[in-house]
Amino acid sequence: MEIELIFKIAAVGIIVSILNQVLIRSGRDEQATMTTLAGLVVVLMILSQKIAALFDLVERLFHF
């Protein structure tokens, strides 16, 4: 696995957690929740690309 992928996910997590705390402390709980969901979607998009590449590799390996 690429170490860059882990760093990207960690960076998104750190940024989202900081934004979440700032928004919660300013009384904007709804925006904090939406920021958390947006961060989750970004990470899932990154992972879905890697999973698709894995499936392509398995398909080529077994000649499906």
N, C-alpha and C. Protein backbone atom coordinates (compact mmCIF):
# COMPACT_ATOMS: atom_id res chain seq x y z
N MET A 1 0.85 -1.18 0.00
CA MET A 1 0.00 0.00 0.00
C MET A 1 0.89 1.24 0.00
N GLU A 2 0.43 2.24 -0.67
CA GLU A 2 1.19 3.48 -0.76
C GLU A 2 1.08 4.27 0.54
N ILE A 3 2.18 4.81 0.99
CA ILE A 3 2.17 5.61 2.21
C ILE A 3 1.50 6.96 1.97
N GLU A 4 1.48 7.41 0.71
CA GLU A 4 0.83 8.68 0.38
C GLU A 4 -0.66 8.62 0.66
N LEU A 5 -1.26 7.46 0.43
CA LEU A 5 -2.68 7.29 0.69
C LEU A 5 -2.99 7.48 2.17
N ILE A 6 -2.17 6.93 3.02
CA ILE A 6 -2.37 7.08 4.47
C ILE A 6 -2.20 8.54 4.87
N PHE A 7 -1.22 9.22 4.30
CA PHE A 7 -1.02 10.63 4.61
C PHE A 7 -2.18 11.50 4.13
N LYS A 8 -2.74 11.18 2.95
CA LYS A 8 -3.88 11.94 2.44
C LYS A 8 -5.09 11.78 3.37
N ILE A 9 -5.35 10.56 3.78
CA ILE A 9 -6.50 10.31 4.65
C ILE A 9 -6.28 10.98 6.01
N ALA A 10 -5.06 10.92 6.52
CA ALA A 10 -4.77 11.58 7.80
C ALA A 10 -4.91 13.09 7.69
N ALA A 11 -4.47 13.66 6.58
CA ALA A 11 -4.58 15.12 6.39
C ALA A 11 -6.04 15.54 6.33
N VAL A 12 -6.86 14.78 5.62
CA VAL A 12 -8.29 15.10 5.56
C VAL A 12 -8.90 14.99 6.96
N GLY A 13 -8.53 13.97 7.69
CA GLY A 13 -9.05 13.80 9.05
C GLY A 13 -8.67 14.93 9.98
N ILE A 14 -7.42 15.39 9.90
CA ILE A 14 -6.97 16.48 10.75
C ILE A 14 -7.69 17.77 10.40
N ILE A 15 -7.81 18.07 9.12
CA ILE A 15 -8.49 19.30 8.70
C ILE A 15 -9.96 19.28 9.10
N VAL A 16 -10.62 18.13 8.89
CA VAL A 16 -12.03 18.03 9.25
C VAL A 16 -12.22 18.15 10.75
N SER A 17 -11.35 17.55 11.53
CA SER A 17 -11.51 17.63 12.99
C SER A 17 -11.30 19.05 13.50
N ILE A 18 -10.34 19.78 12.92
CA ILE A 18 -10.13 21.17 13.33
C ILE A 18 -11.34 22.02 12.96
N LEU A 19 -11.82 21.88 11.71
CA LEU A 19 -13.01 22.63 11.30
C LEU A 19 -14.22 22.27 12.16
N ASN A 20 -14.35 21.00 12.49
CA ASN A 20 -15.46 20.55 13.31
C ASN A 20 -15.43 21.21 14.68
N GLN A 21 -14.27 21.24 15.31
CA GLN A 21 -14.16 21.86 16.63
C GLN A 21 -14.43 23.36 16.59
N VAL A 22 -13.92 24.03 15.56
CA VAL A 22 -14.14 25.48 15.44
C VAL A 22 -15.63 25.77 15.25
N LEU A 23 -16.29 24.98 14.40
CA LEU A 23 -17.70 25.21 14.15
C LEU A 23 -18.56 24.87 15.37
N ILE A 24 -18.22 23.84 16.09
CA ILE A 24 -18.99 23.49 17.29
C ILE A 24 -18.85 24.58 18.35
N ARG A 25 -17.65 25.08 18.51
CA ARG A 25 -17.42 26.12 19.55
C ARG A 25 -18.09 27.44 19.18
N SER A 26 -18.32 27.66 17.90
CA SER A 26 -19.00 28.89 17.50
C SER A 26 -20.51 28.71 17.44
N GLY A 27 -21.00 27.53 17.80
CA GLY A 27 -22.43 27.29 17.87
C GLY A 27 -23.06 26.88 16.57
N ARG A 28 -22.29 26.44 15.63
CA ARG A 28 -22.82 26.03 14.33
C ARG A 28 -22.72 24.50 14.20
N ASP A 29 -23.57 23.84 14.94
CA ASP A 29 -23.52 22.38 14.99
C ASP A 29 -23.91 21.74 13.65
N GLU A 30 -24.87 22.34 12.96
CA GLU A 30 -25.30 21.77 11.68
C GLU A 30 -24.18 21.81 10.66
N GLN A 31 -23.46 22.94 10.59
CA GLN A 31 -22.34 23.04 9.65
C GLN A 31 -21.21 22.09 10.04
N ALA A 32 -21.03 21.88 11.34
CA ALA A 32 -20.00 20.95 11.79
C ALA A 32 -20.33 19.53 11.34
N THR A 33 -21.59 19.16 11.43
CA THR A 33 -22.00 17.84 10.97
C THR A 33 -21.82 17.70 9.46
N MET A 34 -22.18 18.74 8.72
CA MET A 34 -22.03 18.69 7.27
C MET A 34 -20.55 18.63 6.87
N THR A 35 -19.69 19.31 7.61
CA THR A 35 -18.25 19.26 7.34
C THR A 35 -17.72 17.85 7.57
N THR A 36 -18.17 17.22 8.64
CA THR A 36 -17.76 15.85 8.92
C THR A 36 -18.22 14.90 7.82
N LEU A 37 -19.45 15.06 7.38
CA LEU A 37 -19.96 14.21 6.29
C LEU A 37 -19.21 14.45 4.99
N ALA A 38 -18.86 15.71 4.71
CA ALA A 38 -18.11 16.02 3.50
C ALA A 38 -16.72 15.37 3.56
N GLY A 39 -16.08 15.41 4.71
CA GLY A 39 -14.79 14.76 4.87
C GLY A 39 -14.88 13.26 4.68
N LEU A 40 -15.95 12.66 5.18
CA LEU A 40 -16.16 11.23 5.00
C LEU A 40 -16.35 10.89 3.52
N VAL A 41 -17.09 11.72 2.80
CA VAL A 41 -17.31 11.48 1.37
C VAL A 41 -15.99 11.59 0.61
N VAL A 42 -15.16 12.56 0.96
CA VAL A 42 -13.87 12.72 0.28
C VAL A 42 -13.00 11.49 0.49
N VAL A 43 -12.94 11.00 1.71
CA VAL A 43 -12.13 9.81 2.00
C VAL A 43 -12.70 8.58 1.28
N LEU A 44 -14.02 8.45 1.25
CA LEU A 44 -14.62 7.32 0.55
C LEU A 44 -14.36 7.38 -0.95
N MET A 45 -14.32 8.56 -1.52
CA MET A 45 -14.01 8.70 -2.95
C MET A 45 -12.56 8.28 -3.22
N ILE A 46 -11.65 8.67 -2.34
CA ILE A 46 -10.25 8.28 -2.50
C ILE A 46 -10.13 6.76 -2.42
N LEU A 47 -10.80 6.17 -1.43
CA LEU A 47 -10.72 4.72 -1.26
C LEU A 47 -11.41 3.97 -2.38
N SER A 48 -12.51 4.52 -2.91
CA SER A 48 -13.21 3.82 -3.98
C SER A 48 -12.36 3.72 -5.24
N GLN A 49 -11.54 4.73 -5.49
CA GLN A 49 -10.63 4.67 -6.64
C GLN A 49 -9.61 3.54 -6.46
N LYS A 50 -9.09 3.41 -5.25
CA LYS A 50 -8.11 2.35 -4.98
C LYS A 50 -8.76 0.97 -5.03
N ILE A 51 -9.99 0.85 -4.55
CA ILE A 51 -10.69 -0.43 -4.59
C ILE A 51 -11.00 -0.81 -6.03
N ALA A 52 -11.37 0.15 -6.87
CA ALA A 52 -11.62 -0.13 -8.28
C ALA A 52 -10.34 -0.60 -8.96
N ALA A 53 -9.22 0.00 -8.62
CA ALA A 53 -7.94 -0.45 -9.19
C ALA A 53 -7.61 -1.87 -8.73
N LEU A 54 -7.94 -2.19 -7.49
CA LEU A 54 -7.72 -3.54 -6.99
C LEU A 54 -8.57 -4.56 -7.75
N PHE A 55 -9.83 -4.24 -7.98
CA PHE A 55 -10.70 -5.15 -8.73
C PHE A 55 -10.20 -5.34 -10.16
N ASP A 56 -9.72 -4.27 -10.78
CA ASP A 56 -9.15 -4.40 -12.12
C ASP A 56 -7.94 -5.32 -12.12
N LEU A 57 -7.10 -5.20 -11.10
CA LEU A 57 -5.93 -6.06 -10.99
C LEU A 57 -6.32 -7.52 -10.82
N VAL A 58 -7.31 -7.79 -9.98
CA VAL A 58 -7.77 -9.17 -9.77
C VAL A 58 -8.38 -9.72 -11.05
N GLU A 59 -9.14 -8.88 -11.76
CA GLU A 59 -9.75 -9.33 -13.01
C GLU A 59 -8.69 -9.68 -14.05
N ARG A 60 -7.65 -8.85 -14.16
CA ARG A 60 -6.58 -9.15 -15.10
C ARG A 60 -5.77 -10.37 -14.67
N LEU A 61 -5.63 -10.56 -13.37
CA LEU A 61 -4.86 -11.68 -12.86
C LEU A 61 -5.51 -13.01 -13.18
N PHE A 62 -6.81 -13.08 -13.01
CA PHE A 62 -7.52 -14.33 -13.26
C PHE A 62 -8.18 -14.39 -14.63
N HIS A 63 -7.98 -13.39 -15.47
CA HIS A 63 -8.49 -13.34 -16.83
C HIS A 63 -10.01 -13.51 -16.92
N PHE A 64 -10.71 -12.74 -16.11
CA PHE A 64 -12.18 -12.81 -16.14
C PHE A 64 -12.73 -11.99 -17.27
